[in-house]
């Protein structure tokens, strides 16, 4: 399998080359040259396979022979080391909990897979030090910090928007130290992301540092997110032939992985991209005009993105044909007020505590599957509610139980570097 740049001005590379580079030399996102369908027998017998076998079957065509089988088995084993429970919340509505990993967020899967892949490359090719540069709107940073912490030959620099992540998210970013540096940016997530993009094309930096990205623009972080769609399907296959996934969406890497899973054969009816008031994509679906805009702050902060990087991959999956895309893909936006109402409603009715992103996923799913009583709907609960306890506890008027692993994080001492401009980031990277 080769990967091409979506800017179409760089040579094609293999999986490991794309993972190490993050972005192509022409600054385009890497994308599979060809989409190969999985065989029908795999789906017919998927319920007989264990989770590791399924993950290996899904990811192997993209990796090819650049990782030996034994090493790939080990990477998958270390990646899928926690459960992905499906909870039946109400009739035909399931919640896929993706927060049982080390940092209590769905991004643990991609971050761990990528970290182990980069570690494999460093050892195999005897590479020098690699700098992982990443922007986060909340959960990415914690997952990346945890995934890469303590790996020899890697330094991690994480940019996050000051006062725009939750207390626990900030603690996860700023208390590990070691080979992880947290940089607090006066601005939004989009500002952080733009700084990272500038660094990747800054010759003064790239002649001194070997940079790679750990955002979902990196294929080694993006592609493994297909795993839990297949695992959920395995558990629901006997219940319905018509399954819809609703995905809380910010930078659109997660739902893009789901759509790729559908393209390689996963028999899912459709996908719903559920967003907060940062509604660039819902408006695109309704108007056909893709107009990035400055992000707005909400209680679902991981989705506060005004220019989602991964949507270009979704467009490529559908040959930039909006009519074809709209057959598989719906997108709706919801306000903080609507989010709070449904968190309170679900808690009072079922005793289940949603966090703001999962709540928006639920809202999008309900709006979509009301069209058919035969559909099974799955919404993604992408983080543990404790990570957003400041807002959730006020809504449900109840304390959220703090998991033991978070108690240790909260005891850690924050250490970060504050910057106000790209020039300050550049100086920090060069001098350190």
Protein backbone atom coordinates (compact mmCIF):
# COMPACT_ATOMS: atom_id res chain seq x y z
CA UNK A 1 0.00 0.00 0.00
CA UNK A 2 1.26 3.44 -0.96
CA UNK A 3 0.05 6.79 0.35
CA UNK A 4 -0.33 9.90 -1.77
CA UNK A 5 -0.42 13.55 -0.78
CA UNK A 6 -3.81 15.19 -1.22
CA UNK A 7 -1.94 18.20 -2.60
CA UNK A 8 -0.74 15.86 -5.38
CA UNK A 9 2.75 17.33 -5.49
CA UNK A 10 4.85 14.80 -3.56
CA UNK A 11 6.02 11.27 -4.26
CA UNK A 12 4.05 8.30 -2.93
CA UNK A 13 5.35 6.69 0.26
CA UNK A 14 4.74 3.61 2.37
CA UNK A 15 2.95 3.54 5.72
CA UNK A 16 6.01 4.07 7.90
CA UNK A 17 7.35 6.91 5.76
CA UNK A 18 3.98 8.65 5.98
CA UNK A 19 3.80 8.09 9.74
CA UNK A 20 7.25 9.55 10.36
CA UNK A 21 6.64 12.57 8.12
CA UNK A 22 3.17 13.38 9.41
CA UNK A 23 2.56 15.72 6.49
CA UNK A 24 3.81 15.25 2.93
CA UNK A 25 6.63 17.56 1.73
CA UNK A 26 4.05 19.57 -0.21
CA UNK A 27 2.16 19.94 3.14
CA UNK A 28 -0.73 17.79 1.98
CA UNK A 29 -2.36 15.12 4.11
CA UNK A 30 -1.45 11.56 3.27
CA UNK A 31 -4.21 9.34 1.92
CA UNK A 32 -4.27 5.71 0.71
CA UNK A 33 -3.53 5.46 -3.00
CA UNK A 34 -6.17 2.74 -3.36
CA UNK A 35 -9.03 1.62 -1.15
CA UNK A 36 -9.08 -2.18 -1.02
CA UNK A 37 -12.28 -3.93 0.03
CA UNK A 38 -12.12 -6.59 2.74
CA UNK A 39 -13.52 -9.96 1.70
CA UNK A 40 -17.14 -10.82 2.51
CA UNK A 41 -16.13 -13.95 4.46
CA UNK A 42 -14.45 -11.73 7.04
CA UNK A 43 -17.73 -9.99 7.82
CA UNK A 44 -19.71 -13.23 7.79
CA UNK A 45 -17.43 -14.73 10.45
CA UNK A 46 -16.45 -11.58 12.35
CA UNK A 47 -18.34 -12.66 15.48
CA UNK A 48 -15.96 -15.66 15.78
CA UNK A 49 -12.81 -13.50 15.85
CA UNK A 50 -11.22 -11.86 18.86
CA UNK A 51 -10.62 -8.12 18.90
CA UNK A 52 -6.92 -8.37 18.06
CA UNK A 53 -7.60 -10.57 15.03
CA UNK A 54 -10.18 -8.06 13.76
CA UNK A 55 -7.85 -5.09 14.24
CA UNK A 56 -5.03 -6.88 12.43
CA UNK A 57 -7.28 -7.78 9.50
CA UNK A 58 -8.44 -4.16 9.22
CA UNK A 59 -5.06 -2.41 9.45
CA UNK A 60 -2.80 -4.89 7.60
CA UNK A 61 -3.72 -3.82 4.04
CA UNK A 62 -2.63 -0.25 4.85
CA UNK A 63 0.67 -1.31 6.42
CA UNK A 64 1.71 -3.94 3.91
CA UNK A 65 5.03 -5.61 4.73
CA UNK A 66 6.82 -2.62 6.29
CA UNK A 67 6.11 -3.92 9.81
CA UNK A 68 6.84 -7.58 10.45
CA UNK A 69 3.93 -9.71 11.64
CA UNK A 70 5.26 -10.33 15.14
CA UNK A 71 5.88 -6.62 15.76
CA UNK A 72 2.46 -5.68 14.40
CA UNK A 73 0.83 -8.21 16.71
CA UNK A 74 2.62 -6.59 19.64
CA UNK A 75 1.62 -3.06 18.59
CA UNK A 76 -2.03 -4.11 18.31
CA UNK A 77 -1.92 -5.95 21.63
CA UNK A 78 -0.57 -2.86 23.40
CA UNK A 79 -3.09 -0.63 21.63
CA UNK A 80 -6.24 -2.63 22.32
CA UNK A 81 -5.59 -3.20 26.00
CA UNK A 82 -8.93 -1.97 27.37
CA UNK A 83 -12.63 -2.63 26.64
CA UNK A 84 -15.09 -0.72 24.42
CA UNK A 85 -18.47 -1.39 26.09
CA UNK A 86 -21.74 -0.96 24.21
CA UNK A 87 -24.54 0.10 26.53
CA UNK A 88 -28.20 -0.10 25.54
CA UNK A 89 -29.44 3.32 26.70
CA UNK A 90 -32.96 3.08 25.26
CA UNK A 91 -34.78 1.17 22.53
CA UNK A 92 -32.47 0.81 19.50
CA UNK A 93 -30.01 3.36 20.94
CA UNK A 94 -26.57 2.25 22.07
CA UNK A 95 -23.71 4.16 23.62
CA UNK A 96 -20.21 3.09 22.60
CA UNK A 97 -17.96 4.00 25.53
CA UNK A 98 -14.48 4.86 24.29
CA UNK A 99 -13.09 6.24 27.54
CA UNK A 100 -11.71 3.15 29.26
CA UNK A 101 -8.11 3.76 28.18
CA UNK A 102 -5.29 5.36 30.20
CA UNK A 103 -6.37 9.00 29.67
CA UNK A 104 -10.14 8.32 29.62
CA UNK A 105 -10.64 9.46 26.01
CA UNK A 106 -11.17 7.81 22.62
CA UNK A 107 -7.87 9.21 21.38
CA UNK A 108 -5.96 6.67 23.46
CA UNK A 109 -6.36 4.15 20.62
CA UNK A 110 -4.76 6.27 17.89
CA UNK A 111 -2.14 7.81 20.18
CA UNK A 112 -0.96 4.44 21.50
CA UNK A 113 -0.84 2.85 18.04
CA UNK A 114 1.10 5.77 16.64
CA UNK A 115 3.53 5.89 19.57
CA UNK A 116 4.36 2.21 19.25
CA UNK A 117 4.69 2.55 15.47
CA UNK A 118 7.15 5.46 15.77
CA UNK A 119 9.09 3.57 18.43
CA UNK A 120 9.30 0.62 16.03
CA UNK A 121 10.68 2.84 13.24
CA UNK A 122 13.26 4.47 15.51
CA UNK A 123 14.60 1.09 16.66
CA UNK A 124 14.50 -0.52 13.22
CA UNK A 125 16.17 2.33 11.32
CA UNK A 126 18.37 3.69 14.13
CA UNK A 127 16.94 7.17 13.67
CA UNK A 128 18.04 10.14 15.73
CA UNK A 129 15.72 12.15 17.93
CA UNK A 130 12.24 12.86 16.58
CA UNK A 131 10.12 15.78 17.76
CA UNK A 132 6.39 15.14 17.92
CA UNK A 133 4.63 18.49 17.55
CA UNK A 134 0.90 18.50 18.19
CA UNK A 135 -1.98 20.92 18.77
CA UNK A 136 -4.84 19.93 21.05
CA UNK A 137 -8.32 21.17 21.85
CA UNK A 138 -8.34 18.97 24.92
CA UNK A 139 -8.07 15.18 24.76
CA UNK A 140 -5.49 14.72 21.99
CA UNK A 141 -2.75 16.25 24.11
CA UNK A 142 -3.31 13.99 27.09
CA UNK A 143 -3.49 10.86 24.95
CA UNK A 144 -0.34 11.80 23.00
CA UNK A 145 1.54 12.72 26.16
CA UNK A 146 0.66 9.38 27.73
CA UNK A 147 1.33 7.37 24.58
CA UNK A 148 4.80 8.80 23.93
CA UNK A 149 5.88 9.36 27.54
CA UNK A 150 9.26 7.85 28.29
CA UNK A 151 9.97 6.56 24.76
CA UNK A 152 13.65 6.96 23.96
CA UNK A 153 14.47 9.15 20.98
CA UNK A 154 11.21 11.12 21.09
CA UNK A 155 10.47 14.56 22.46
CA UNK A 156 6.87 15.75 22.55
CA UNK A 157 5.69 19.37 22.30
CA UNK A 158 1.98 19.94 22.85
CA UNK A 159 0.26 23.26 22.13
CA UNK A 160 -3.07 23.94 23.84
CA UNK A 161 -5.32 27.04 24.05
CA UNK A 162 -5.05 28.83 27.38
CA UNK A 163 -8.21 28.66 29.51
CA UNK A 164 -10.01 26.58 26.86
CA UNK A 165 -9.43 23.05 28.13
CA UNK A 166 -10.91 21.47 31.24
CA UNK A 167 -8.97 21.31 34.51
CA UNK A 168 -8.34 17.57 34.19
CA UNK A 169 -7.35 17.85 30.52
CA UNK A 170 -4.81 20.53 31.45
CA UNK A 171 -3.42 18.39 34.27
CA UNK A 172 -2.96 15.47 31.87
CA UNK A 173 -1.03 17.76 29.53
CA UNK A 174 1.16 19.53 32.02
CA UNK A 175 2.13 17.11 34.79
CA UNK A 176 4.06 14.32 33.04
CA UNK A 177 7.13 16.40 32.17
CA UNK A 178 10.10 14.18 31.19
CA UNK A 179 10.16 14.10 27.39
CA UNK A 180 6.81 15.99 27.23
CA UNK A 181 6.55 19.80 27.11
CA UNK A 182 3.19 21.59 27.31
CA UNK A 183 2.91 25.00 25.66
CA UNK A 184 0.04 27.27 26.65
CA UNK A 185 -1.08 29.49 23.76
CA UNK A 186 -3.02 32.73 24.15
CA UNK A 187 -5.66 31.96 21.55
CA UNK A 188 -7.92 29.21 20.18
CA UNK A 189 -7.29 25.64 19.03
CA UNK A 190 -7.23 26.92 15.46
CA UNK A 191 -4.40 29.28 16.46
CA UNK A 192 -2.49 26.34 17.94
CA UNK A 193 -3.06 24.25 14.84
CA UNK A 194 -1.93 27.06 12.55
CA UNK A 195 1.29 27.45 14.55
CA UNK A 196 1.98 23.73 14.19
CA UNK A 197 1.39 23.91 10.44
CA UNK A 198 3.77 26.89 10.15
CA UNK A 199 6.47 25.03 12.03
CA UNK A 200 6.28 22.16 9.55
CA UNK A 201 7.14 24.47 6.66
CA UNK A 202 9.70 26.63 8.50
CA UNK A 203 13.13 25.83 7.07
CA UNK A 204 14.88 27.26 10.12
CA UNK A 205 13.20 24.55 12.21
CA UNK A 206 13.17 21.59 9.86
CA UNK A 207 16.88 21.84 9.13
CA UNK A 208 17.51 21.38 12.87
CA UNK A 209 14.65 19.10 13.94
CA UNK A 210 12.97 16.01 12.50
CA UNK A 211 9.31 16.83 13.05
CA UNK A 212 6.23 14.67 12.94
CA UNK A 213 2.65 15.36 13.93
CA UNK A 214 0.49 13.37 16.34
CA UNK A 215 -2.78 15.02 15.39
CA UNK A 216 -5.25 12.91 13.44
CA UNK A 217 -3.67 14.30 10.27
CA UNK A 218 -1.03 11.59 10.88
CA UNK A 219 -2.15 8.31 9.32
CA UNK A 220 -0.74 6.26 12.21
CA UNK A 221 -3.15 8.08 14.54
CA UNK A 222 -6.03 8.32 12.11
CA UNK A 223 -6.33 4.80 10.69
CA UNK A 224 -6.50 2.80 14.00
CA UNK A 225 -9.69 4.66 14.86
CA UNK A 226 -11.40 2.24 12.46
CA UNK A 227 -10.94 -0.51 15.04
CA UNK A 228 -13.83 0.33 17.36
CA UNK A 229 -16.33 0.67 14.52
CA UNK A 230 -15.57 -2.91 13.53
CA UNK A 231 -15.70 -4.11 17.14
CA UNK A 232 -19.07 -2.42 17.69
CA UNK A 233 -20.40 -3.97 14.48
CA UNK A 234 -19.24 -7.39 15.67
CA UNK A 235 -21.41 -7.03 18.78
CA UNK A 236 -24.46 -5.62 16.97
CA UNK A 237 -24.40 -7.74 13.80
CA UNK A 238 -27.00 -10.18 15.12
CA UNK A 239 -29.40 -7.40 16.10
CA UNK A 240 -29.80 -5.44 12.87
CA UNK A 241 -28.64 -5.01 9.29
CA UNK A 242 -29.20 -1.26 9.54
CA UNK A 243 -26.76 0.51 11.85
CA UNK A 244 -26.08 4.24 12.08
CA UNK A 245 -23.12 5.79 13.92
CA UNK A 246 -23.28 9.31 15.32
CA UNK A 247 -19.85 10.76 15.94
CA UNK A 248 -19.13 13.95 17.95
CA UNK A 249 -16.95 15.81 15.45
CA UNK A 250 -14.37 18.58 15.73
CA UNK A 251 -11.38 18.00 13.48
CA UNK A 252 -13.28 15.16 11.74
CA UNK A 253 -10.56 12.51 12.03
CA UNK A 254 -12.73 10.07 13.97
CA UNK A 255 -15.71 10.11 11.62
CA UNK A 256 -13.35 10.04 8.64
CA UNK A 257 -11.96 6.75 9.98
CA UNK A 258 -15.52 5.46 10.25
CA UNK A 259 -16.30 6.42 6.67
CA UNK A 260 -13.10 4.72 5.52
CA UNK A 261 -14.24 1.60 7.40
CA UNK A 262 -17.47 1.75 5.41
CA UNK A 263 -15.53 2.17 2.17
CA UNK A 264 -13.50 -0.99 2.81
CA UNK A 265 -16.67 -2.98 3.39
CA UNK A 266 -18.05 -2.43 6.90
CA UNK A 267 -21.82 -2.65 6.33
CA UNK A 268 -22.93 0.52 8.09
CA UNK A 269 -26.01 2.35 6.82
CA UNK A 270 -24.74 5.89 7.41
CA UNK A 271 -22.81 8.26 9.64
CA UNK A 272 -23.87 11.40 11.45
CA UNK A 273 -21.31 14.12 12.16
CA UNK A 274 -22.69 15.83 15.26
CA UNK A 275 -21.14 19.20 16.09
CA UNK A 276 -21.58 22.07 18.49
CA UNK A 277 -22.14 25.64 17.24
CA UNK A 278 -18.89 25.39 15.30
CA UNK A 279 -21.01 24.33 12.35
CA UNK A 280 -18.79 24.67 9.28
CA UNK A 281 -19.59 21.15 8.07
CA UNK A 282 -23.34 21.08 8.79
CA UNK A 283 -23.59 24.30 6.78
CA UNK A 284 -21.51 22.79 3.98
CA UNK A 285 -23.84 19.80 3.78
CA UNK A 286 -26.87 22.07 3.53
CA UNK A 287 -25.41 24.77 1.25
CA UNK A 288 -22.52 23.15 -0.63
CA UNK A 289 -20.22 25.96 0.49
CA UNK A 290 -17.21 25.09 2.68
CA UNK A 291 -16.35 28.29 4.56
CA UNK A 292 -13.91 27.98 7.50
CA UNK A 293 -14.46 30.48 10.30
CA UNK A 294 -13.08 31.45 13.68
CA UNK A 295 -14.02 28.88 16.31
CA UNK A 296 -16.35 29.68 19.21
CA UNK A 297 -15.94 28.48 22.78
CA UNK A 298 -18.41 25.87 24.07
CA UNK A 299 -18.72 23.33 26.89
CA UNK A 300 -17.83 20.62 24.33
CA UNK A 301 -14.40 22.16 23.86
CA UNK A 302 -12.78 19.31 21.92
CA UNK A 303 -15.10 20.21 19.05
CA UNK A 304 -14.32 23.93 19.06
CA UNK A 305 -12.78 23.80 15.59
CA UNK A 306 -13.54 26.29 12.83
CA UNK A 307 -11.40 24.73 10.08
CA UNK A 308 -11.44 20.92 10.39
CA UNK A 309 -8.29 19.50 8.81
CA UNK A 310 -9.55 16.01 8.08
CA UNK A 311 -12.59 16.96 6.05
CA UNK A 312 -10.45 17.04 2.90
CA UNK A 313 -9.96 13.30 3.37
CA UNK A 314 -13.71 12.78 3.57
CA UNK A 315 -14.17 14.75 0.37
CA UNK A 316 -11.50 12.62 -1.29
CA UNK A 317 -13.27 9.43 -0.20
CA UNK A 318 -16.29 10.66 -2.15
CA UNK A 319 -14.42 12.22 -5.09
CA UNK A 320 -15.56 15.67 -3.89
CA UNK A 321 -19.06 14.71 -4.97
CA UNK A 322 -21.51 16.21 -2.47
CA UNK A 323 -24.43 14.19 -3.81
CA UNK A 324 -22.56 10.91 -3.21
CA UNK A 325 -21.41 12.06 0.23
CA UNK A 326 -24.93 12.99 1.35
CA UNK A 327 -26.10 9.41 0.76
CA UNK A 328 -23.86 8.20 3.63
CA UNK A 329 -23.21 11.32 5.67
CA UNK A 330 -25.42 13.67 7.68
CA UNK A 331 -24.36 16.55 9.87
CA UNK A 332 -26.19 18.56 12.51
CA UNK A 333 -25.13 21.20 15.05
CA UNK A 334 -26.40 21.80 18.58
CA UNK A 335 -26.10 24.58 21.13
CA UNK A 336 -24.77 24.44 24.68
CA UNK A 337 -28.34 24.86 25.88
CA UNK A 338 -29.51 21.80 23.95
CA UNK A 339 -26.48 19.89 25.22
CA UNK A 340 -27.22 20.70 28.86
CA UNK A 341 -30.89 19.79 28.50
CA UNK A 342 -30.14 16.33 27.13
CA UNK A 343 -27.45 15.62 29.76
CA UNK A 344 -30.00 16.38 32.47
CA UNK A 345 -32.76 14.42 30.71
CA UNK A 346 -30.71 11.24 30.20
CA UNK A 347 -29.45 11.32 33.80
CA UNK A 348 -32.91 11.79 35.27
CA UNK A 349 -34.52 9.19 33.01
CA UNK A 350 -31.85 6.48 32.87
CA UNK A 351 -29.28 7.37 35.52
CA UNK A 352 -26.57 7.57 32.86
CA UNK A 353 -24.10 10.47 32.90
CA UNK A 354 -23.29 11.87 29.48
CA UNK A 355 -20.41 14.25 28.93
CA UNK A 356 -20.96 17.20 26.53
CA UNK A 357 -19.46 15.56 23.42
CA UNK A 358 -21.37 12.31 23.87
CA UNK A 359 -24.52 14.34 24.53
CA UNK A 360 -24.15 16.00 21.14
CA UNK A 361 -23.56 12.59 19.58
CA UNK A 362 -26.83 11.41 21.13
CA UNK A 363 -28.70 14.47 19.85
CA UNK A 364 -27.43 13.95 16.31
CA UNK A 365 -28.37 10.29 16.40
CA UNK A 366 -31.91 10.98 17.62
CA UNK A 367 -32.39 13.57 14.92
CA UNK A 368 -31.28 11.10 12.26
CA UNK A 369 -32.77 7.74 13.18
CA UNK A 370 -36.22 9.11 13.93
CA UNK A 371 -36.68 8.57 10.20
CA UNK A 372 -36.82 4.79 10.72
CA UNK A 373 -37.92 2.59 13.62
CA UNK A 374 -35.90 -0.35 12.29
CA UNK A 375 -32.48 1.30 12.61
CA UNK A 376 -30.07 0.66 15.43
CA UNK A 377 -28.18 3.78 16.38
CA UNK A 378 -24.80 4.05 18.10
CA UNK A 379 -23.47 7.30 19.49
CA UNK A 380 -19.89 7.65 20.67
CA UNK A 381 -19.17 8.67 24.24
CA UNK A 382 -15.67 9.96 23.58
CA UNK A 383 -14.50 10.86 27.09
CA UNK A 384 -15.26 10.09 30.72
CA UNK A 385 -17.64 12.69 32.25
CA UNK A 386 -15.09 13.42 34.99
CA UNK A 387 -13.03 15.30 32.40
CA UNK A 388 -15.85 17.83 32.14
CA UNK A 389 -17.02 17.70 35.73
CA UNK A 390 -17.10 21.50 36.05
CA UNK A 391 -20.07 21.67 33.68
CA UNK A 392 -21.59 18.19 34.09
CA UNK A 393 -21.95 18.35 37.89
CA UNK A 394 -23.82 21.64 37.69
CA UNK A 395 -26.22 20.17 35.13
CA UNK A 396 -27.08 16.94 36.98
CA UNK A 397 -26.60 18.39 40.48
CA UNK A 398 -24.45 15.45 41.49
CA UNK A 399 -20.75 14.79 41.94
CA UNK A 400 -19.07 12.60 39.34
CA UNK A 401 -16.98 9.85 40.91
CA UNK A 402 -13.28 10.46 40.27
CA UNK A 403 -11.47 7.39 38.86
CA UNK A 404 -8.32 6.42 40.75
CA UNK A 405 -5.99 7.15 37.81
CA UNK A 406 -7.31 10.73 37.65
CA UNK A 407 -6.77 11.30 41.35
CA UNK A 408 -3.05 10.81 40.79
CA UNK A 409 -3.09 13.23 37.85
CA UNK A 410 -4.81 15.92 39.92
CA UNK A 411 -2.06 15.70 42.51
CA UNK A 412 0.59 16.50 39.88
CA UNK A 413 2.20 19.93 39.62
CA UNK A 414 1.46 21.89 36.47
CA UNK A 415 4.44 22.85 34.33
CA UNK A 416 3.96 24.71 31.06
CA UNK A 417 5.50 27.34 28.80
CA UNK A 418 3.29 30.31 27.90
CA UNK A 419 3.54 31.91 24.46
CA UNK A 420 1.62 34.57 22.55
CA UNK A 421 2.96 34.24 19.01
CA UNK A 422 4.49 31.91 16.45
CA UNK A 423 7.89 33.58 16.81
CA UNK A 424 7.94 32.55 20.48
CA UNK A 425 7.13 28.95 19.52
CA UNK A 426 9.85 28.97 16.89
CA UNK A 427 12.44 30.28 19.34
CA UNK A 428 11.46 27.65 21.89
CA UNK A 429 11.74 24.78 19.42
CA UNK A 430 15.11 25.92 18.09
CA UNK A 431 16.66 26.62 21.48
CA UNK A 432 15.39 23.45 23.10
